[in-house]
Amino acid sequence: MRSARAVWIGLGLVALAAGGCSKASQYRSECEAGEPLKCYYLGDLYAKGLEVPQDPKMAARYIEEACVGGVTWTCPAIGTMYEQGEGVAANYDRARDYYLRACEKPDDEGCRKAYALFNNTCQQGRSRMACDDLAGMLNDGVAAAQDRVKAADISRRTCAEGSNAGCVRLKESCDGDIVEACFHLGQLHEAGTGVAQDRQLATAWYMRACDRAHGPSCEGLQRLLGTACKRGEVAACLEVADLHLAGPEAVRSEERALMFLTDACGAGAQEACDRMVGFYERRCEGGERDTCVELAHMYARGLHGVTRNPNRALVLYQNACTNGSLSACFEQAETISRGGDGITPNPTRAAELWEHACVNEFAPACGRLAAVHRDACNANKLEACFQLGQLVEAGRGVMQNDQQSAMLYTRACKGGYGAACAAMGKLYLDGRGVPADPKRAATHYQQACQSGFQAACAEAQRLGGAQPVFIVAPQ
């Protein structure tokens, strides 16, 4: 097509040079007679100043007549004149129209010029229409390599700015399996930018892309549903839980699914409660100790729609304690210390469990153990007074107090509990809770040794082997 145009122009100029007659007059007459190609020839003479004065305005006039008259290969020329303001006032819309006239035929030059015009104008932010046009050409692969993802991104921008064409193209691209377009639509409807804010539509668009494993869309869907779930919308909780359970691999997470099921259960959805408990049962059976403890809490307290079952809870606590869970040991002790609900009270075993947990730094167990020892000490059980003194001295489960621990040790020591006498001797050596007094320390160690507490004998001998005397309360 372009070579034919060059031949026509060449023939016209050759005839002009060889004929010696005024081709300008001839072209004018023929142009006025309705031959648009001759209008172009005449315009070309004015553009080059051949046989007529060079006149850009006249050139533009006649070249435009040729284009309008149907000689589409001349349209890029007048389009360029409108784009650059040569012989006519610069006019983007007319340049666009003339380039597209040629491109629609199609004409490569018209397509290239149209693409360059749209690209430059869009990048400069001077025309939203230019961006829409550019997106269309990229989407269809006209005058440039097809890039439907880039086209979708441009349409996202124009849709956000209120362009219906941009929004329509996004929907068409989404329908055409461009997941980025679905994602953009989800973003726009979520934020209400350029389109109506609509969470249901945003969810639907995100879901379409997420179903095709588009990570950002899955994240958007999680965020949207998660926010609704936190507001108490049970359906959203269940939906996002299902997404984490059965969605694309990239977003699967039983932990997050369980979190949302818990929220839905808390909002009163029995379905969510049942599914949540099912999770805990399966995980507990699979050996997850902490999960067994949580499940035991549910049965012990009747949480999350679970029917209260203290005996089932006790079995779970026992198993978890055996497997090393200190919190389970504590709860097991709590359960058997009070008994009831078909469970036989066992205070001795409960104290052993609290002791085990306390020794391993589980603070709540130390507090309960201190209470047990205090009750026993008040009942004149000397070992309990000594053990309570140890807890008070170390500040385990109770407030640390050296003076109070000295009083407790003294009480047990007076009753002949050797370990308490040794502990009192150490306090006198260190001057904690009582004045430092090596002689009294030696006396207490000797008393402990003679009471059968062999560990104190070496220390008593080292300090001088003082004879036992009546031990008075610390001053």
Protein backbone atom coordinates (compact mmCIF):
# COMPACT_ATOMS: atom_id res chain seq x y z
CA MET A 1 0.00 0.00 0.00
CA ARG A 2 2.78 2.39 0.85
CA SER A 3 4.70 1.47 -2.31
CA ALA A 4 1.58 2.17 -4.41
CA ARG A 5 1.30 5.58 -2.80
CA ALA A 6 4.94 6.30 -3.62
CA VAL A 7 4.34 5.27 -7.25
CA TRP A 8 1.33 7.57 -7.55
CA ILE A 9 3.25 10.50 -6.10
CA GLY A 10 6.25 9.76 -8.31
CA LEU A 11 4.14 9.55 -11.44
CA GLY A 12 2.43 12.81 -10.61
CA LEU A 13 5.73 14.64 -10.16
CA VAL A 14 7.23 13.14 -13.29
CA ALA A 15 4.22 14.24 -15.29
CA LEU A 16 4.51 17.70 -13.78
CA ALA A 17 8.17 17.98 -14.78
CA ALA A 18 7.77 16.51 -18.27
CA GLY A 19 4.50 18.06 -19.35
CA GLY A 20 5.44 21.68 -18.80
CA CYS A 21 1.83 22.39 -17.93
CA SER A 22 0.40 23.46 -14.59
CA LYS A 23 -0.35 20.31 -12.71
CA ALA A 24 -1.44 22.44 -9.78
CA SER A 25 -4.34 23.78 -11.82
CA GLN A 26 -5.16 20.35 -13.13
CA TYR A 27 -5.08 18.78 -9.63
CA ARG A 28 -7.22 21.61 -8.29
CA SER A 29 -9.84 21.09 -10.99
CA GLU A 30 -9.86 17.36 -10.51
CA CYS A 31 -9.96 17.74 -6.73
CA GLU A 32 -12.93 20.08 -6.98
CA ALA A 33 -14.55 17.59 -9.33
CA GLY A 34 -14.54 14.98 -6.57
CA GLU A 35 -11.26 13.10 -7.06
CA PRO A 36 -9.79 12.96 -3.53
CA LEU A 37 -6.49 11.47 -4.67
CA LYS A 38 -5.84 14.63 -6.74
CA CYS A 39 -6.56 16.69 -3.61
CA TYR A 40 -3.67 14.91 -1.96
CA TYR A 41 -1.38 15.63 -4.94
CA LEU A 42 -2.32 19.29 -4.75
CA GLY A 43 -1.71 19.33 -1.00
CA ASP A 44 1.66 17.71 -1.55
CA LEU A 45 2.61 20.49 -4.02
CA TYR A 46 1.74 23.12 -1.41
CA ALA A 47 3.70 21.22 1.22
CA LYS A 48 6.85 21.16 -0.99
CA GLY A 49 6.41 24.52 -2.73
CA LEU A 50 6.37 22.97 -6.18
CA GLU A 51 4.67 25.13 -8.85
CA VAL A 52 2.83 26.93 -6.07
CA PRO A 53 4.12 28.89 -3.06
CA GLN A 54 4.88 26.65 -0.13
CA ASP A 55 1.85 26.93 2.13
CA PRO A 56 1.36 24.54 5.07
CA LYS A 57 -2.25 25.67 5.58
CA MET A 58 -3.21 24.90 1.97
CA ALA A 59 -1.28 21.64 2.17
CA ALA A 60 -3.24 20.62 5.26
CA ARG A 61 -6.52 21.64 3.66
CA TYR A 62 -6.12 19.47 0.57
CA ILE A 63 -4.48 16.49 2.31
CA GLU A 64 -7.34 16.46 4.81
CA GLU A 65 -9.83 16.47 1.91
CA ALA A 66 -8.09 13.44 0.46
CA CYS A 67 -8.26 11.57 3.77
CA VAL A 68 -11.90 12.46 4.37
CA GLY A 69 -12.65 11.55 0.77
CA GLY A 70 -11.58 7.97 1.38
CA VAL A 71 -7.90 7.84 0.43
CA THR A 72 -7.00 6.35 3.81
CA TRP A 73 -3.28 6.02 3.19
CA THR A 74 -3.13 9.84 3.22
CA CYS A 75 -4.69 10.02 6.70
CA PRO A 76 -1.41 9.50 8.65
CA ALA A 77 -0.03 12.62 6.94
CA ILE A 78 -2.85 14.93 8.03
CA GLY A 79 -2.86 13.17 11.42
CA THR A 80 0.79 14.14 11.87
CA MET A 81 0.00 17.76 10.91
CA TYR A 82 -2.71 17.92 13.59
CA GLU A 83 -0.44 16.24 16.11
CA GLN A 84 2.42 18.67 15.46
CA GLY A 85 0.34 21.75 14.62
CA GLU A 86 1.71 22.10 11.06
CA GLY A 87 -0.61 24.24 8.92
CA VAL A 88 -3.43 23.65 11.42
CA ALA A 89 -3.96 24.23 15.09
CA ALA A 90 -2.68 21.25 17.09
CA ASN A 91 -5.62 19.01 17.83
CA TYR A 92 -5.15 15.69 19.60
CA ASP A 93 -8.63 14.39 18.84
CA ARG A 94 -8.32 14.97 15.10
CA ALA A 95 -4.83 13.46 15.00
CA ARG A 96 -6.22 10.42 16.82
CA ASP A 97 -9.17 10.08 14.46
CA TYR A 98 -7.07 10.30 11.33
CA TYR A 99 -4.47 7.82 12.57
CA LEU A 100 -7.21 5.37 13.50
CA ARG A 101 -8.91 5.78 10.10
CA ALA A 102 -5.77 4.51 8.46
CA CYS A 103 -5.11 1.85 11.10
CA GLU A 104 -8.59 0.36 10.70
CA LYS A 105 -8.00 -0.49 7.01
CA PRO A 106 -5.34 -1.53 8.18
CA ASP A 107 -2.42 0.72 7.44
CA ASP A 108 0.85 0.03 9.26
CA GLU A 109 1.93 3.63 9.29
CA GLY A 110 -1.38 4.77 10.73
CA CYS A 111 -1.20 2.09 13.44
CA ARG A 112 2.36 2.97 14.40
CA LYS A 113 1.59 6.67 14.57
CA ALA A 114 -1.56 6.05 16.58
CA TYR A 115 0.36 3.88 19.05
CA ALA A 116 3.10 6.47 19.44
CA LEU A 117 0.53 9.23 19.96
CA PHE A 118 -1.40 7.26 22.59
CA ASN A 119 1.72 6.10 24.39
CA ASN A 120 3.30 9.55 24.64
CA THR A 121 0.07 11.29 25.60
CA CYS A 122 -0.83 8.67 28.20
CA GLN A 123 2.63 8.74 29.79
CA GLN A 124 2.43 12.50 30.05
CA GLY A 125 -0.95 12.21 31.77
CA ARG A 126 -2.64 14.52 29.30
CA SER A 127 -5.53 12.33 28.21
CA ARG A 128 -7.38 9.45 29.84
CA MET A 129 -8.77 8.53 26.43
CA ALA A 130 -5.21 8.09 25.15
CA CYS A 131 -4.57 5.58 27.92
CA ASP A 132 -7.76 3.70 27.05
CA ASP A 133 -6.70 3.64 23.41
CA LEU A 134 -3.21 2.48 24.34
CA ALA A 135 -4.64 -0.32 26.48
CA GLY A 136 -6.80 -1.41 23.57
CA MET A 137 -3.83 -1.60 21.20
CA LEU A 138 -1.70 -3.49 23.72
CA ASN A 139 -4.55 -5.85 24.44
CA ASP A 140 -4.99 -6.62 20.73
CA GLY A 141 -1.31 -6.51 19.80
CA VAL A 142 -1.71 -3.67 17.28
CA ALA A 143 1.50 -1.84 16.34
CA ALA A 144 3.23 -3.38 19.37
CA ALA A 145 3.74 -6.77 20.95
CA GLN A 146 0.57 -7.99 22.60
CA ASP A 147 0.73 -7.42 26.38
CA ARG A 148 -2.63 -8.06 27.97
CA VAL A 149 -1.27 -7.77 31.51
CA LYS A 150 0.11 -4.29 30.85
CA ALA A 151 -3.14 -3.40 29.10
CA ALA A 152 -5.07 -4.48 32.21
CA ASP A 153 -2.88 -2.31 34.41
CA ILE A 154 -3.52 0.74 32.22
CA SER A 155 -7.25 0.00 32.24
CA ARG A 156 -7.12 -0.23 36.03
CA ARG A 157 -5.79 3.32 36.17
CA THR A 158 -8.38 4.71 33.77
CA CYS A 159 -11.22 2.83 35.45
CA ALA A 160 -10.12 4.28 38.81
CA GLU A 161 -10.30 7.72 37.20
CA GLY A 162 -13.87 7.17 36.08
CA SER A 163 -13.43 5.75 32.58
CA ASN A 164 -16.23 3.37 31.74
CA ALA A 165 -14.19 2.07 28.81
CA GLY A 166 -11.38 1.14 31.19
CA CYS A 167 -13.76 -0.69 33.53
CA VAL A 168 -15.40 -2.55 30.66
CA ARG A 169 -12.03 -3.63 29.28
CA LEU A 170 -10.99 -4.90 32.72
CA LYS A 171 -14.10 -7.09 32.87
CA GLU A 172 -13.50 -8.37 29.36
CA SER A 173 -9.88 -9.15 30.25
CA CYS A 174 -10.92 -10.96 33.40
CA ASP A 175 -13.38 -13.02 31.35
CA GLY A 176 -10.48 -13.69 29.00
CA ASP A 177 -8.46 -15.33 31.81
CA ILE A 178 -6.23 -12.36 32.61
CA VAL A 179 -6.15 -12.89 36.37
CA GLU A 180 -4.51 -9.52 36.96
CA ALA A 181 -7.63 -7.86 35.56
CA CYS A 182 -9.83 -9.75 38.04
CA PHE A 183 -7.49 -8.68 40.83
CA HIS A 184 -7.68 -5.03 39.77
CA LEU A 185 -11.47 -5.18 39.76
CA GLY A 186 -11.40 -6.62 43.25
CA GLN A 187 -9.16 -3.78 44.43
CA LEU A 188 -11.35 -1.11 42.84
CA HIS A 189 -14.60 -2.45 44.28
CA GLU A 190 -13.01 -2.98 47.69
CA ALA A 191 -11.84 0.63 47.84
CA GLY A 192 -14.76 2.14 45.89
CA THR A 193 -12.33 3.84 43.51
CA GLY A 194 -13.87 4.69 40.15
CA VAL A 195 -16.64 2.17 40.82
CA ALA A 196 -19.18 1.58 43.57
CA GLN A 197 -17.69 0.23 46.78
CA ASP A 198 -19.10 -3.26 47.00
CA ARG A 199 -17.58 -5.94 49.21
CA GLN A 200 -19.56 -8.74 47.57
CA LEU A 201 -18.34 -7.78 44.11
CA ALA A 202 -14.79 -7.34 45.39
CA THR A 203 -14.98 -10.79 46.96
CA ALA A 204 -16.28 -12.30 43.71
CA TRP A 205 -13.50 -10.75 41.61
CA TYR A 206 -10.78 -11.74 44.07
CA MET A 207 -12.22 -15.25 44.21
CA ARG A 208 -12.10 -15.65 40.42
CA ALA A 209 -8.41 -14.80 40.36
CA CYS A 210 -7.61 -16.70 43.54
CA ASP A 211 -9.21 -19.82 42.07
CA ARG A 212 -6.59 -19.52 39.35
CA ALA A 213 -3.80 -19.38 41.96
CA HIS A 214 -3.17 -15.65 41.78
CA GLY A 215 -1.44 -14.96 45.10
CA PRO A 216 -2.25 -11.24 45.51
CA SER A 217 -5.93 -11.95 44.86
CA CYS A 218 -5.95 -14.68 47.49
CA GLU A 219 -4.37 -12.24 49.94
CA GLY A 220 -6.99 -9.63 49.08
CA LEU A 221 -9.72 -12.20 49.60
CA GLN A 222 -8.30 -13.21 52.97
CA ARG A 223 -8.09 -9.59 54.06
CA LEU A 224 -11.62 -8.78 52.94
CA LEU A 225 -13.24 -11.83 54.48
CA GLY A 226 -11.07 -11.65 57.57
CA THR A 227 -12.17 -8.07 58.25
CA ALA A 228 -15.82 -9.05 57.85
CA CYS A 229 -15.28 -12.01 60.16
CA LYS A 230 -13.82 -9.76 62.85
CA ARG A 231 -16.96 -7.65 62.58
CA GLY A 232 -18.96 -10.71 63.53
CA GLU A 233 -20.12 -11.86 60.09
CA VAL A 234 -20.23 -15.60 60.57
CA ALA A 235 -20.61 -16.42 56.86
CA ALA A 236 -17.38 -14.55 56.12
CA CYS A 237 -15.57 -16.50 58.87
CA LEU A 238 -16.68 -19.80 57.37
CA GLU A 239 -15.82 -18.67 53.86
CA VAL A 240 -12.29 -17.56 54.72
CA ALA A 241 -11.77 -20.74 56.76
CA ASP A 242 -12.71 -22.80 53.70
CA LEU A 243 -10.32 -20.70 51.62
CA HIS A 244 -7.47 -21.60 53.96
CA LEU A 245 -8.47 -25.25 53.91
CA ALA A 246 -9.25 -25.88 50.25
CA GLY A 247 -7.98 -22.82 48.37
CA PRO A 248 -4.80 -22.59 46.29
CA GLU A 249 -1.75 -24.18 47.85
CA ALA A 250 -0.16 -20.79 48.52
CA VAL A 251 -2.90 -19.79 50.98
CA ARG A 252 -3.66 -23.09 52.66
CA SER A 253 -3.16 -22.91 56.40
CA GLU A 254 -4.95 -25.06 58.94
CA GLU A 255 -3.83 -22.69 61.68
CA ARG A 256 -5.53 -19.71 60.07
CA ALA A 257 -8.58 -21.78 59.19
CA LEU A 258 -8.85 -22.83 62.82
CA MET A 259 -8.53 -19.21 63.92
CA PHE A 260 -11.49 -18.16 61.78
CA LEU A 261 -13.55 -21.17 62.80
CA THR A 262 -12.92 -20.17 66.41
CA ASP A 263 -14.15 -16.65 65.67
CA ALA A 264 -17.28 -18.02 63.99
CA CYS A 265 -17.88 -20.39 66.87
CA GLY A 266 -17.55 -17.50 69.30
CA ALA A 267 -20.18 -15.66 67.29
CA GLY A 268 -22.60 -18.51 67.83
CA ALA A 269 -22.18 -20.68 64.72
CA GLN A 270 -22.54 -24.28 65.90
CA GLU A 271 -21.28 -25.55 62.53
CA ALA A 272 -18.01 -23.71 63.14
CA CYS A 273 -17.80 -25.08 66.70
CA ASP A 274 -18.26 -28.66 65.48
CA ARG A 275 -15.64 -28.26 62.78
CA MET A 276 -13.23 -26.63 65.21
CA VAL A 277 -13.58 -29.45 67.76
CA GLY A 278 -13.07 -31.95 64.94
CA PHE A 279 -9.76 -30.24 64.17
CA TYR A 280 -8.65 -30.48 67.77
CA GLU A 281 -9.64 -34.15 68.02
CA ARG A 282 -7.69 -35.09 64.88
CA ARG A 283 -4.63 -33.15 65.93
CA CYS A 284 -4.69 -34.53 69.44
CA GLU A 285 -4.95 -38.06 68.07
CA GLY A 286 -1.97 -37.18 65.88
CA GLY A 287 0.14 -36.50 68.96
CA GLU A 288 -0.03 -32.71 69.25
CA ARG A 289 0.31 -32.29 73.01
CA ASP A 290 -0.72 -28.65 73.26
CA THR A 291 -3.78 -29.31 71.13
CA CYS A 292 -4.78 -32.06 73.54
CA VAL A 293 -4.55 -29.56 76.39
CA GLU A 294 -6.79 -27.09 74.54
CA LEU A 295 -9.26 -29.88 73.81
CA ALA A 296 -9.21 -30.90 77.46
CA HIS A 297 -10.06 -27.30 78.43
CA MET A 298 -13.08 -27.49 76.13
CA TYR A 299 -14.36 -30.68 77.73
CA ALA A 300 -13.57 -29.50 81.25
CA ARG A 301 -15.41 -26.20 80.88
CA GLY A 302 -17.95 -26.96 78.16
CA LEU A 303 -16.40 -24.42 75.78
CA HIS A 304 -17.18 -23.80 72.08
CA GLY A 305 -20.39 -25.78 72.00
CA VAL A 306 -18.74 -28.89 73.46
CA THR A 307 -20.77 -30.87 75.98
CA ARG A 308 -18.97 -30.71 79.31
CA ASN A 309 -17.17 -34.00 80.07
CA PRO A 310 -14.76 -33.77 83.06
CA ASN A 311 -13.68 -37.42 82.80
CA ARG A 312 -12.73 -37.05 79.15
CA ALA A 313 -10.87 -33.87 80.09
CA LEU A 314 -8.98 -35.65 82.87
CA VAL A 315 -7.79 -38.40 80.51
CA LEU A 316 -6.53 -35.77 78.07
CA TYR A 317 -4.77 -33.85 80.86
CA GLN A 318 -3.12 -37.04 82.14
CA ASN A 319 -1.83 -37.98 78.68
CA ALA A 320 -0.52 -34.48 77.99
CA CYS A 321 1.14 -34.29 81.41
CA THR A 322 2.87 -37.62 80.79
CA ASN A 323 4.10 -36.17 77.50
CA GLY A 324 5.65 -33.18 79.24
CA SER A 325 2.97 -30.46 79.38
CA LEU A 326 3.31 -28.64 82.70
CA SER A 327 0.02 -26.80 82.19
CA ALA A 328 -1.67 -30.19 81.74
CA CYS A 329 -0.09 -31.43 84.99
CA PHE A 330 -1.42 -28.34 86.73
CA GLU A 331 -4.94 -28.86 85.35
CA GLN A 332 -4.85 -32.55 86.22
CA ALA A 333 -3.94 -31.63 89.79
CA GLU A 334 -6.73 -29.06 89.91
CA THR A 335 -9.23 -31.66 88.74
CA ILE A 336 -8.29 -34.44 91.16
CA SER A 337 -7.79 -32.12 94.11
CA ARG A 338 -11.46 -31.18 94.16
CA GLY A 339 -12.97 -34.37 92.68
CA GLY A 340 -16.66 -34.45 91.80
CA ASP A 341 -18.42 -35.34 88.54
CA GLY A 342 -17.53 -38.98 89.14
CA ILE A 343 -13.85 -38.21 89.83
CA THR A 344 -12.42 -39.43 93.17
CA PRO A 345 -10.53 -36.66 95.04
CA ASN A 346 -6.80 -37.35 95.45
CA PRO A 347 -5.12 -34.41 97.26
CA THR A 348 -1.82 -36.30 97.68
CA ARG A 349 -1.43 -36.93 93.96
CA ALA A 350 -2.54 -33.38 93.22
CA ALA A 351 0.22 -32.02 95.49
CA GLU A 352 2.77 -34.23 93.72
CA LEU A 353 1.68 -32.85 90.35
CA TRP A 354 1.83 -29.25 91.57
CA GLU A 355 5.27 -29.95 93.00
CA HIS A 356 6.45 -31.36 89.69
CA ALA A 357 5.15 -28.38 87.74
CA CYS A 358 6.49 -25.87 90.27
CA VAL A 359 9.97 -27.38 90.29
CA ASN A 360 9.94 -26.93 86.52
CA GLU A 361 9.11 -23.23 86.88
CA PHE A 362 5.37 -23.33 86.15
CA ALA A 363 4.43 -20.41 88.40
CA PRO A 364 0.67 -21.10 88.85
CA ALA A 365 1.55 -24.52 90.28
CA CYS A 366 3.87 -22.89 92.83
CA GLY A 367 1.02 -20.69 94.02
CA ARG A 368 -1.31 -23.65 94.48
CA LEU A 369 1.46 -25.64 96.20
CA ALA A 370 2.09 -22.78 98.59
CA ALA A 371 -1.58 -22.74 99.54
CA VAL A 372 -1.52 -26.49 100.20
CA HIS A 373 1.60 -26.21 102.35
CA ARG A 374 0.16 -23.27 104.28
CA ASP A 375 -2.95 -25.23 105.19
CA ALA A 376 -0.84 -28.22 106.27
CA CYS A 377 1.57 -26.04 108.26
CA ASN A 378 -1.34 -24.47 110.09
CA ALA A 379 -2.32 -28.03 110.96
CA ASN A 380 1.17 -28.45 112.57
CA LYS A 381 2.67 -30.56 109.78
CA LEU A 382 6.36 -29.63 110.11
CA GLU A 383 7.44 -30.77 106.65
CA ALA A 384 4.78 -28.50 105.13
CA CYS A 385 6.10 -25.53 107.17
CA PHE A 386 9.60 -26.25 105.85
CA GLN A 387 8.41 -26.58 102.24
CA LEU A 388 6.38 -23.38 102.49
CA GLY A 389 9.47 -21.67 103.89
CA GLN A 390 11.44 -22.77 100.82
CA LEU A 391 8.81 -21.31 98.49
CA VAL A 392 8.74 -18.04 100.46
CA GLU A 393 12.54 -17.82 100.52
CA ALA A 394 12.71 -18.32 96.74
CA GLY A 395 9.61 -16.23 95.98
CA ARG A 396 8.07 -19.05 93.98
CA GLY A 397 4.31 -18.67 93.77
CA VAL A 398 4.34 -16.25 96.72
CA MET A 399 6.03 -12.96 97.55
CA GLN A 400 9.69 -13.42 98.52
CA ASN A 401 10.26 -12.69 102.21
CA ASP A 402 13.37 -13.83 104.12
CA GLN A 403 11.97 -12.95 107.54
CA GLN A 404 8.82 -14.97 106.94
CA SER A 405 10.81 -17.93 105.64
CA ALA A 406 13.00 -17.75 108.81
CA MET A 407 9.90 -17.94 110.97
CA LEU A 408 8.63 -20.96 109.08
CA TYR A 409 12.00 -22.74 109.26
CA THR A 410 12.23 -22.01 112.99
CA ARG A 411 8.78 -23.45 113.60
CA ALA A 412 9.69 -26.69 111.82
CA CYS A 413 13.13 -26.82 113.42
CA LYS A 414 11.68 -26.50 116.92
CA GLY A 415 9.55 -29.53 116.15
CA GLY A 416 12.67 -31.49 115.24
CA TYR A 417 12.56 -31.29 111.45
CA GLY A 418 16.27 -31.39 110.64
CA ALA A 419 16.17 -29.96 107.13
CA ALA A 420 14.48 -26.83 108.53
CA CYS A 421 17.29 -26.42 111.11
CA ALA A 422 19.87 -26.60 108.33
CA ALA A 423 17.97 -24.02 106.31
CA MET A 424 17.88 -21.76 109.36
CA GLY A 425 21.63 -22.19 109.81
CA LYS A 426 22.17 -21.02 106.25
CA LEU A 427 20.07 -17.88 106.91
CA TYR A 428 22.23 -17.07 109.97
CA LEU A 429 25.38 -17.56 107.91
CA ASP A 430 24.15 -15.25 105.16
CA GLY A 431 22.38 -12.77 107.39
CA ARG A 432 19.12 -13.04 105.50
CA GLY A 433 15.93 -12.54 107.49
CA VAL A 434 18.00 -12.67 110.70
CA PRO A 435 21.22 -10.95 111.83
CA ALA A 436 24.36 -12.69 110.60
CA ASP A 437 25.55 -14.93 113.43
CA PRO A 438 28.03 -17.77 112.69
CA LYS A 439 27.61 -19.19 116.21
CA ARG A 440 23.87 -19.54 115.85
CA ALA A 441 24.43 -20.93 112.37
CA ALA A 442 26.73 -23.61 113.80
CA THR A 443 24.19 -24.42 116.51
CA HIS A 444 21.44 -24.92 113.94
CA TYR A 445 23.60 -27.10 111.73
CA GLN A 446 24.51 -29.22 114.77
CA GLN A 447 20.82 -29.55 115.64
CA ALA A 448 20.06 -30.62 112.07
CA CYS A 449 22.84 -33.20 112.16
CA GLN A 450 21.70 -34.68 115.45
CA SER A 451 18.13 -34.81 114.13
CA GLY A 452 19.31 -37.19 111.43
CA PHE A 453 19.77 -34.68 108.59
CA GLN A 454 23.18 -35.96 107.50
CA ALA A 455 23.73 -33.25 104.90
CA ALA A 456 24.18 -30.74 107.75
CA CYS A 457 26.86 -32.66 109.66
CA ALA A 458 29.84 -31.56 107.57
CA GLU A 459 28.81 -27.90 107.82
CA ALA A 460 28.33 -28.24 111.60
CA GLN A 461 31.83 -29.64 111.97
CA ARG A 462 33.31 -26.95 109.75
CA LEU A 463 31.75 -24.22 111.87
CA GLY A 464 33.13 -25.61 115.14
CA GLY A 465 30.93 -28.44 116.25
CA ALA A 466 28.88 -26.43 118.70
CA GLN A 467 26.76 -28.40 121.17
CA PRO A 468 23.03 -28.36 120.54
CA VAL A 469 21.06 -25.85 122.52
CA PHE A 470 17.43 -24.81 122.64
CA ILE A 471 16.67 -22.97 119.46
CA VAL A 472 14.90 -19.67 119.95
CA ALA A 473 12.83 -17.78 117.42
CA PRO A 474 14.82 -15.38 115.18
CA GLN A 475 15.12 -11.87 116.49
